[in-house]
């Protein structure tokens, strides 16, 4: 039996696509192993949204050269967003001629065929440049995310933020039909999954390309009406499209988590305009205020970019002011890095020293807020879905509250998949610790 090892970079969309890659390989008789050294096939599922992710992928691919030399029968495949970029596949093979297969995001279904062809031929490339093709819809899925199951509701993006390459490698927005998505979620609930995460580059624009009047709020209502004990999360939202009706649906639902990821990217209107984000700070804060008014227990998280071209110290201070006003439960903070092929890459860049100073200050600010919010959980009792054991603390398990906060408590693996009432007894930065309330 052949053995495979998948290395995944980037977002949850890529995690789910790796499950589809695994599904194809399992059907071919492969089974998963935990290290490259054990594998007959190594698949790199790449991401090109950030330069750092691409560089990391290149470094890890290059590190396999000695392993390939030692074992010439080892198959190496590189797939995903990175290879979908124009001319990227040929450049990859020029740099790493020992790579056997290169596939774009729109050609994942070709992997079984190329694995067979590779036994008779040299390096193979298959990149479909038609962004409207979604062959992965029909692929088998080998789910690897425990109690959670991912469901694509749409593909692509129409926003063209000036720093982002996604529209160029994923194409325009294409929504799946409402009935297909609801049927998928219903099936997963019947299979015993306790948490469903809806995926899209911008879930709030779901249905804009459909002719039946479907939209994201309607989709959430239909899913929430399904019977069973389960939770629903979604990502990622775009502030320009996240409307009050969607908030009202979530607030009145039985299954949709009060945990909203709403990437702000910057707290300066000048920077947001250069980013082409299509909303203002004032509009962002207005929707945040409405969310909090309808869901006082909500956990709001965000993405915040530091060092975008032209960002002044005043712009940075405005971002810090916004963080203080919103008080995110957590935020993914990162330094802007130019992506070739995007408008922002041609703008005047900020020095690395300034970026480093600003990201350090922002991280400290957010850490302080997260710690304060965590302490507010102490003494409270919350429903927690147990997701896994916590390897940091032997004899414990961990899971999340409805608002998305990670909780660790004493327990055995047989609790995984259970909903438990947990009293929070201790907080440590973003981490919460508690004890199970026995009925």
Protein backbone atom coordinates (compact mmCIF):
# COMPACT_ATOMS: atom_id res chain seq x y z
CA UNK A 1 0.00 0.00 0.00
CA UNK A 2 1.32 3.43 -0.96
CA UNK A 3 1.77 6.10 1.71
CA UNK A 4 1.15 9.84 1.37
CA UNK A 5 1.99 12.97 3.35
CA UNK A 6 0.27 16.32 2.70
CA UNK A 7 1.75 19.68 3.72
CA UNK A 8 -0.89 22.45 3.75
CA UNK A 9 -0.23 26.18 3.69
CA UNK A 10 -2.66 29.07 4.08
CA UNK A 11 -6.32 29.35 4.94
CA UNK A 12 -9.17 26.99 5.84
CA UNK A 13 -10.05 26.80 2.15
CA UNK A 14 -6.73 25.05 1.58
CA UNK A 15 -7.28 22.77 4.58
CA UNK A 16 -10.54 21.62 3.00
CA UNK A 17 -8.92 21.18 -0.41
CA UNK A 18 -6.25 19.02 1.25
CA UNK A 19 -9.12 16.85 2.52
CA UNK A 20 -10.23 16.45 -1.10
CA UNK A 21 -6.68 15.54 -2.17
CA UNK A 22 -6.60 12.97 0.64
CA UNK A 23 -9.98 11.65 -0.51
CA UNK A 24 -8.63 10.94 -4.00
CA UNK A 25 -5.51 9.28 -2.61
CA UNK A 26 -7.47 7.08 -0.19
CA UNK A 27 -9.61 5.89 -3.12
CA UNK A 28 -6.37 4.95 -4.91
CA UNK A 29 -5.32 2.81 -1.94
CA UNK A 30 -2.93 5.27 -0.25
CA UNK A 31 -2.88 5.84 3.49
CA UNK A 32 -1.61 8.84 5.43
CA UNK A 33 1.71 8.99 7.31
CA UNK A 34 2.92 11.71 9.64
CA UNK A 35 6.34 12.44 8.18
CA UNK A 36 7.81 12.98 4.68
CA UNK A 37 10.48 10.34 5.33
CA UNK A 38 7.81 7.61 5.50
CA UNK A 39 5.93 8.67 2.38
CA UNK A 40 5.85 7.39 -1.20
CA UNK A 41 4.09 10.61 -2.23
CA UNK A 42 4.47 14.10 -0.74
CA UNK A 43 1.93 16.76 -1.72
CA UNK A 44 2.49 20.46 -1.05
CA UNK A 45 -0.84 22.32 -1.11
CA UNK A 46 0.39 25.88 -1.46
CA UNK A 47 -0.89 29.38 -0.81
CA UNK A 48 0.22 32.60 -2.49
CA UNK A 49 -1.89 35.14 -0.59
CA UNK A 50 1.16 36.22 1.44
CA UNK A 51 4.75 36.30 0.33
CA UNK A 52 5.89 34.64 3.56
CA UNK A 53 3.74 31.57 2.90
CA UNK A 54 5.14 31.23 -0.61
CA UNK A 55 8.73 31.57 0.60
CA UNK A 56 8.11 28.96 3.29
CA UNK A 57 6.71 26.57 0.69
CA UNK A 58 9.72 27.08 -1.59
CA UNK A 59 12.07 26.45 1.32
CA UNK A 60 10.32 23.23 2.32
CA UNK A 61 10.16 21.96 -1.25
CA UNK A 62 13.87 22.63 -1.69
CA UNK A 63 14.65 20.78 1.54
CA UNK A 64 13.35 17.57 -0.04
CA UNK A 65 16.13 17.37 -2.61
CA UNK A 66 18.34 15.07 -0.44
CA UNK A 67 15.34 12.83 0.31
CA UNK A 68 14.52 12.57 -3.40
CA UNK A 69 18.15 11.79 -4.19
CA UNK A 70 18.15 9.05 -1.57
CA UNK A 71 14.84 7.66 -2.82
CA UNK A 72 14.32 8.33 -6.56
CA UNK A 73 10.93 6.57 -6.47
CA UNK A 74 9.56 9.23 -4.10
CA UNK A 75 6.84 11.27 -5.83
CA UNK A 76 6.61 15.01 -5.11
CA UNK A 77 3.55 17.02 -6.17
CA UNK A 78 3.03 20.77 -5.76
CA UNK A 79 -0.54 22.04 -6.07
CA UNK A 80 -2.65 25.06 -5.13
CA UNK A 81 -2.73 28.82 -5.50
CA UNK A 82 1.01 29.27 -5.86
CA UNK A 83 1.13 27.15 -9.01
CA UNK A 84 -1.99 28.80 -10.47
CA UNK A 85 -0.14 32.09 -10.94
CA UNK A 86 0.94 32.94 -14.47
CA UNK A 87 4.22 31.22 -15.44
CA UNK A 88 4.65 29.94 -11.87
CA UNK A 89 4.62 26.24 -12.79
CA UNK A 90 7.51 26.42 -15.25
CA UNK A 91 9.48 28.61 -12.85
CA UNK A 92 8.91 26.06 -10.09
CA UNK A 93 10.22 23.16 -12.17
CA UNK A 94 13.17 25.23 -13.33
CA UNK A 95 14.14 25.80 -9.71
CA UNK A 96 13.20 22.33 -8.46
CA UNK A 97 13.54 19.86 -11.37
CA UNK A 98 13.06 16.94 -8.97
CA UNK A 99 9.37 17.85 -8.53
CA UNK A 100 7.21 15.30 -10.38
CA UNK A 101 3.75 16.88 -10.63
CA UNK A 102 2.50 20.48 -10.65
CA UNK A 103 -1.24 21.18 -10.47
CA UNK A 104 -3.19 24.44 -10.34
CA UNK A 105 -6.22 24.99 -8.09
CA UNK A 106 -8.57 24.28 -11.00
CA UNK A 107 -6.94 20.96 -11.87
CA UNK A 108 -6.94 19.03 -8.59
CA UNK A 109 -9.10 16.31 -10.10
CA UNK A 110 -6.20 15.44 -12.44
CA UNK A 111 -3.98 14.15 -9.64
CA UNK A 112 -4.90 10.43 -9.96
CA UNK A 113 -4.36 10.55 -13.74
CA UNK A 114 -1.00 12.29 -13.44
CA UNK A 115 0.19 9.88 -10.77
CA UNK A 116 -0.38 7.07 -13.26
CA UNK A 117 1.17 8.97 -16.17
CA UNK A 118 4.18 9.92 -14.08
CA UNK A 119 5.27 6.31 -13.91
CA UNK A 120 6.10 6.50 -17.63
CA UNK A 121 7.01 10.17 -18.12
CA UNK A 122 9.06 13.04 -16.72
CA UNK A 123 7.73 16.04 -14.76
CA UNK A 124 4.09 16.83 -15.52
CA UNK A 125 2.22 20.14 -15.34
CA UNK A 126 -1.54 20.59 -15.43
CA UNK A 127 -2.85 24.12 -14.87
CA UNK A 128 -6.33 25.04 -16.08
CA UNK A 129 -6.39 28.80 -16.61
CA UNK A 130 -10.20 28.94 -16.82
CA UNK A 131 -11.16 30.41 -13.40
CA UNK A 132 -14.79 29.30 -13.77
CA UNK A 133 -13.89 25.61 -13.53
CA UNK A 134 -14.45 23.98 -10.12
CA UNK A 135 -13.57 20.30 -10.59
CA UNK A 136 -13.03 19.85 -6.85
CA UNK A 137 -16.81 19.99 -6.26
CA UNK A 138 -17.20 16.37 -7.26
CA UNK A 139 -14.11 15.03 -5.50
CA UNK A 140 -14.27 12.54 -2.63
CA UNK A 141 -13.40 14.01 0.77
CA UNK A 142 -11.33 12.39 3.48
CA UNK A 143 -12.18 14.65 6.41
CA UNK A 144 -9.36 15.26 8.87
CA UNK A 145 -10.72 18.03 11.10
CA UNK A 146 -12.26 15.90 13.83
CA UNK A 147 -15.64 17.14 15.01
CA UNK A 148 -15.65 19.92 12.38
CA UNK A 149 -16.56 19.60 8.71
CA UNK A 150 -15.85 22.26 6.07
CA UNK A 151 -18.40 23.13 3.40
CA UNK A 152 -17.66 25.39 0.43
CA UNK A 153 -20.59 27.70 -0.29
CA UNK A 154 -18.81 29.72 -3.00
CA UNK A 155 -15.53 30.18 -4.81
CA UNK A 156 -13.58 33.17 -6.08
CA UNK A 157 -13.65 36.86 -5.25
CA UNK A 158 -14.79 40.10 -6.95
CA UNK A 159 -13.24 42.58 -4.54
CA UNK A 160 -9.76 43.19 -5.98
CA UNK A 161 -8.16 44.56 -2.82
CA UNK A 162 -4.94 46.12 -4.06
CA UNK A 163 -2.73 43.84 -1.93
CA UNK A 164 -4.46 40.57 -2.78
CA UNK A 165 -3.85 38.06 -5.54
CA UNK A 166 -6.87 35.82 -4.85
CA UNK A 167 -9.10 37.13 -7.69
CA UNK A 168 -6.30 36.43 -10.14
CA UNK A 169 -5.79 32.80 -9.06
CA UNK A 170 -9.30 31.89 -7.85
CA UNK A 171 -11.36 33.80 -10.40
CA UNK A 172 -14.66 35.63 -9.98
CA UNK A 173 -17.31 34.77 -7.40
CA UNK A 174 -19.32 31.62 -8.09
CA UNK A 175 -21.97 30.57 -5.58
CA UNK A 176 -23.12 27.00 -5.16
CA UNK A 177 -26.89 26.56 -5.19
CA UNK A 178 -28.64 26.98 -1.86
CA UNK A 179 -30.20 23.52 -2.10
CA UNK A 180 -26.80 21.86 -2.70
CA UNK A 181 -25.23 23.56 0.31
CA UNK A 182 -28.16 22.77 2.61
CA UNK A 183 -28.11 19.14 1.44
CA UNK A 184 -24.38 18.90 2.19
CA UNK A 185 -24.84 20.32 5.69
CA UNK A 186 -27.81 18.04 6.38
CA UNK A 187 -25.77 14.99 5.36
CA UNK A 188 -22.85 16.00 7.59
CA UNK A 189 -25.16 16.44 10.57
CA UNK A 190 -26.59 12.97 9.91
CA UNK A 191 -23.02 11.61 9.80
CA UNK A 192 -22.45 12.95 13.32
CA UNK A 193 -20.39 16.10 12.74
CA UNK A 194 -20.99 18.57 15.55
CA UNK A 195 -19.66 21.70 13.90
CA UNK A 196 -20.01 22.86 10.29
CA UNK A 197 -17.86 25.69 8.95
CA UNK A 198 -19.09 27.43 5.79
CA UNK A 199 -16.27 28.59 3.54
CA UNK A 200 -15.90 31.31 0.93
CA UNK A 201 -13.47 34.10 0.10
CA UNK A 202 -16.36 36.45 0.97
CA UNK A 203 -19.34 34.53 2.35
CA UNK A 204 -21.43 37.68 2.71
CA UNK A 205 -21.66 38.06 -1.07
CA UNK A 206 -23.06 34.54 -1.40
CA UNK A 207 -25.92 34.42 -3.90
CA UNK A 208 -25.14 37.68 -5.71
CA UNK A 209 -24.57 35.65 -8.88
CA UNK A 210 -27.62 33.42 -8.45
CA UNK A 211 -30.95 34.17 -10.13
CA UNK A 212 -33.22 32.74 -7.44
CA UNK A 213 -32.84 35.52 -4.89
CA UNK A 214 -30.68 33.47 -2.51
CA UNK A 215 -28.36 35.36 -0.20
CA UNK A 216 -26.19 34.59 2.81
CA UNK A 217 -28.82 35.44 5.42
CA UNK A 218 -31.32 33.12 3.71
CA UNK A 219 -28.74 30.34 3.56
CA UNK A 220 -28.05 30.69 7.30
CA UNK A 221 -31.78 30.56 8.03
CA UNK A 222 -32.22 27.37 6.01
CA UNK A 223 -29.26 25.68 7.68
CA UNK A 224 -30.34 26.77 11.15
CA UNK A 225 -33.73 25.12 10.58
CA UNK A 226 -32.13 21.68 10.21
CA UNK A 227 -32.77 19.45 13.24
CA UNK A 228 -30.02 18.19 15.53
CA UNK A 229 -27.42 19.32 18.05
CA UNK A 230 -24.68 21.12 16.11
CA UNK A 231 -22.95 24.44 15.59
CA UNK A 232 -22.37 26.52 12.45
CA UNK A 233 -19.47 28.87 11.88
CA UNK A 234 -18.41 30.69 8.72
CA UNK A 235 -15.52 32.55 7.19
CA UNK A 236 -14.53 34.90 5.83
CA UNK A 237 -16.78 37.97 5.97
CA UNK A 238 -16.21 41.30 4.27
CA UNK A 239 -17.29 44.43 6.16
CA UNK A 240 -18.74 46.07 3.05
CA UNK A 241 -21.25 43.20 2.65
CA UNK A 242 -21.94 42.14 6.25
CA UNK A 243 -25.40 43.61 6.76
CA UNK A 244 -27.89 43.99 9.59
CA UNK A 245 -30.18 41.28 8.26
CA UNK A 246 -27.37 38.74 8.56
CA UNK A 247 -26.73 39.92 12.13
CA UNK A 248 -30.43 39.55 12.96
CA UNK A 249 -30.49 35.99 11.59
CA UNK A 250 -27.44 34.98 13.63
CA UNK A 251 -28.78 36.63 16.80
CA UNK A 252 -32.10 34.78 16.55
CA UNK A 253 -30.66 31.41 15.51
CA UNK A 254 -30.30 28.21 17.53
CA UNK A 255 -27.15 26.85 15.88
CA UNK A 256 -25.11 29.71 14.38
CA UNK A 257 -22.24 30.69 16.65
CA UNK A 258 -21.94 34.17 18.09
CA UNK A 259 -18.41 34.36 16.75
CA UNK A 260 -17.78 36.65 13.80
CA UNK A 261 -14.50 37.08 11.95
CA UNK A 262 -14.68 40.55 10.39
CA UNK A 263 -11.31 41.55 8.88
CA UNK A 264 -10.80 45.30 9.16
CA UNK A 265 -7.21 45.32 7.76
CA UNK A 266 -6.65 48.97 8.80
CA UNK A 267 -8.17 51.68 10.96
CA UNK A 268 -7.41 54.59 8.65
CA UNK A 269 -9.78 55.68 5.88
CA UNK A 270 -6.84 56.77 3.73
CA UNK A 271 -5.24 53.34 3.99
CA UNK A 272 -8.57 51.55 3.43
CA UNK A 273 -9.07 53.58 0.26
CA UNK A 274 -5.61 52.64 -1.07
CA UNK A 275 -6.41 49.02 -0.21
CA UNK A 276 -9.69 49.32 -2.19
CA UNK A 277 -11.64 47.89 0.73
CA UNK A 278 -14.82 49.86 -0.16
CA UNK A 279 -15.86 50.77 3.39
CA UNK A 280 -14.86 53.44 5.92
CA UNK A 281 -13.84 53.15 9.54
CA UNK A 282 -17.16 54.73 10.49
CA UNK A 283 -19.13 52.13 8.55
CA UNK A 284 -17.10 49.34 10.09
CA UNK A 285 -17.68 50.58 13.63
CA UNK A 286 -21.40 51.02 12.90
CA UNK A 287 -21.83 47.34 11.99
CA UNK A 288 -19.70 46.28 14.97
CA UNK A 289 -21.91 48.32 17.29
CA UNK A 290 -25.01 46.70 15.80
CA UNK A 291 -23.51 43.22 16.22
CA UNK A 292 -22.76 43.89 19.88
CA UNK A 293 -26.22 45.37 20.48
CA UNK A 294 -27.84 42.17 19.19
CA UNK A 295 -25.29 39.72 20.64
CA UNK A 296 -23.65 40.99 23.85
CA UNK A 297 -21.83 37.64 24.20
CA UNK A 298 -20.30 37.81 20.72
CA UNK A 299 -16.64 37.13 20.06
CA UNK A 300 -15.36 39.33 17.23
CA UNK A 301 -12.02 38.54 15.61
CA UNK A 302 -10.19 40.27 12.79
CA UNK A 303 -7.26 40.46 10.40
CA UNK A 304 -5.11 43.58 10.72
CA UNK A 305 -2.34 44.51 8.31
CA UNK A 306 0.56 46.72 9.33
CA UNK A 307 2.94 48.57 7.02
CA UNK A 308 0.74 48.92 3.94
CA UNK A 309 2.33 51.30 1.40
CA UNK A 310 1.88 54.91 2.47
CA UNK A 311 0.83 54.08 6.05
CA UNK A 312 1.84 57.03 8.24
CA UNK A 313 2.35 57.01 11.99
CA UNK A 314 -1.02 58.74 12.27
CA UNK A 315 -2.60 55.99 10.18
CA UNK A 316 -1.09 53.39 12.47
CA UNK A 317 -2.35 55.21 15.57
CA UNK A 318 -5.84 55.26 14.01
CA UNK A 319 -5.64 51.47 13.66
CA UNK A 320 -4.68 51.18 17.33
CA UNK A 321 -7.60 53.44 18.27
CA UNK A 322 -9.99 51.17 16.35
CA UNK A 323 -8.62 48.08 18.10
CA UNK A 324 -9.24 49.77 21.45
CA UNK A 325 -12.81 50.61 20.47
CA UNK A 326 -13.76 47.19 19.07
CA UNK A 327 -11.84 45.12 21.66
CA UNK A 328 -11.37 42.01 19.54
CA UNK A 329 -11.28 38.68 21.36
CA UNK A 330 -8.36 37.90 19.07
CA UNK A 331 -6.79 39.27 15.92
CA UNK A 332 -4.47 37.90 13.27
CA UNK A 333 -1.93 40.70 12.94
CA UNK A 334 0.64 40.62 10.18
CA UNK A 335 3.08 42.78 8.25
CA UNK A 336 2.26 43.68 4.65
CA UNK A 337 4.47 41.97 2.10
CA UNK A 338 4.24 42.82 -1.63
CA UNK A 339 2.59 40.27 -3.92
CA UNK A 340 3.83 40.39 -7.48
CA UNK A 341 0.99 41.13 -9.88
CA UNK A 342 -1.03 43.28 -7.46
CA UNK A 343 -1.34 47.11 -7.59
CA UNK A 344 0.07 47.57 -4.07
CA UNK A 345 3.35 45.94 -5.09
CA UNK A 346 4.09 48.97 -7.29
CA UNK A 347 3.38 51.51 -4.53
CA UNK A 348 6.11 53.10 -2.41
CA UNK A 349 7.00 50.64 0.35
CA UNK A 350 7.62 51.24 4.05
CA UNK A 351 10.91 50.26 5.68
CA UNK A 352 11.22 46.95 7.50
CA UNK A 353 12.30 48.72 10.69
CA UNK A 354 9.10 50.81 10.81
CA UNK A 355 6.97 47.73 10.13
CA UNK A 356 8.70 45.80 12.91
CA UNK A 357 8.16 48.59 15.42
CA UNK A 358 4.49 48.94 14.57
CA UNK A 359 3.65 45.23 14.56
CA UNK A 360 5.32 44.82 17.96
CA UNK A 361 3.23 47.61 19.44
CA UNK A 362 0.01 46.35 17.89
CA UNK A 363 0.54 42.77 19.06
CA UNK A 364 1.14 43.98 22.61
CA UNK A 365 -2.02 46.10 22.49
CA UNK A 366 -4.15 43.21 21.27
CA UNK A 367 -2.59 40.78 23.75
CA UNK A 368 -3.48 43.13 26.59
CA UNK A 369 -7.10 43.35 25.39
CA UNK A 370 -7.38 39.58 24.92
CA UNK A 371 -6.03 39.03 28.43
CA UNK A 372 -8.55 41.47 29.92
CA UNK A 373 -11.43 39.82 28.06
CA UNK A 374 -10.23 36.38 29.15
CA UNK A 375 -10.32 37.37 32.81
CA UNK A 376 -13.96 38.35 32.33
CA UNK A 377 -14.81 34.70 31.65
CA UNK A 378 -13.61 33.54 35.09
CA UNK A 379 -16.50 32.28 37.20
CA UNK A 380 -18.85 31.96 34.25
CA UNK A 381 -20.29 28.71 32.88
CA UNK A 382 -20.28 28.10 29.12
CA UNK A 383 -21.19 25.30 26.73
CA UNK A 384 -18.03 23.89 25.17
CA UNK A 385 -17.76 21.52 22.23
CA UNK A 386 -14.82 19.21 22.99
CA UNK A 387 -12.63 19.02 19.88
CA UNK A 388 -9.44 17.23 20.88
CA UNK A 389 -6.96 16.38 23.62
CA UNK A 390 -4.62 19.18 24.63
CA UNK A 391 -1.07 17.82 24.18
CA UNK A 392 0.37 20.66 26.29
CA UNK A 393 -1.42 19.38 29.38
CA UNK A 394 -1.54 15.56 29.77
CA UNK A 395 -4.90 14.25 30.89
CA UNK A 396 -6.86 17.17 29.45
CA UNK A 397 -9.14 17.88 26.53
CA UNK A 398 -9.98 21.17 24.85
CA UNK A 399 -12.79 22.78 22.93
CA UNK A 400 -14.42 26.10 22.13
CA UNK A 401 -17.21 28.18 23.51
CA UNK A 402 -19.93 29.44 21.19
CA UNK A 403 -17.98 32.73 21.01
CA UNK A 404 -14.85 30.92 19.83
CA UNK A 405 -12.70 30.92 22.96
CA UNK A 406 -10.50 27.86 23.53
CA UNK A 407 -11.05 26.11 26.88
CA UNK A 408 -8.91 23.34 28.43
CA UNK A 409 -10.24 21.02 31.13
CA UNK A 410 -9.44 17.67 32.73
CA UNK A 411 -10.90 14.83 30.68
CA UNK A 412 -10.30 11.78 28.52
CA UNK A 413 -10.41 11.39 24.70
CA UNK A 414 -13.83 9.72 24.84
CA UNK A 415 -15.28 13.20 25.53
CA UNK A 416 -14.31 14.42 22.03
CA UNK A 417 -17.45 15.40 20.15
CA UNK A 418 -19.44 16.08 23.33
CA UNK A 419 -21.10 19.33 24.35
CA UNK A 420 -20.24 20.02 28.00
CA UNK A 421 -21.10 22.77 30.43
CA UNK A 422 -17.80 24.10 31.77
CA UNK A 423 -17.13 26.58 34.56
CA UNK A 424 -14.12 28.78 33.82
CA UNK A 425 -11.70 28.77 36.76
CA UNK A 426 -8.57 30.34 35.30
CA UNK A 427 -7.42 32.47 32.37
CA UNK A 428 -3.97 32.77 30.86
CA UNK A 429 -3.78 35.32 28.03
CA UNK A 430 -6.02 33.91 25.26
CA UNK A 431 -6.37 30.50 26.93
CA UNK A 432 -9.17 29.60 29.32
CA UNK A 433 -9.19 26.73 31.81
CA UNK A 434 -12.22 25.21 33.47
CA UNK A 435 -13.91 22.25 35.06
CA UNK A 436 -16.83 20.21 33.80
CA UNK A 437 -20.16 20.80 35.50
CA UNK A 438 -21.67 17.42 36.20
CA UNK A 439 -25.40 17.08 35.78
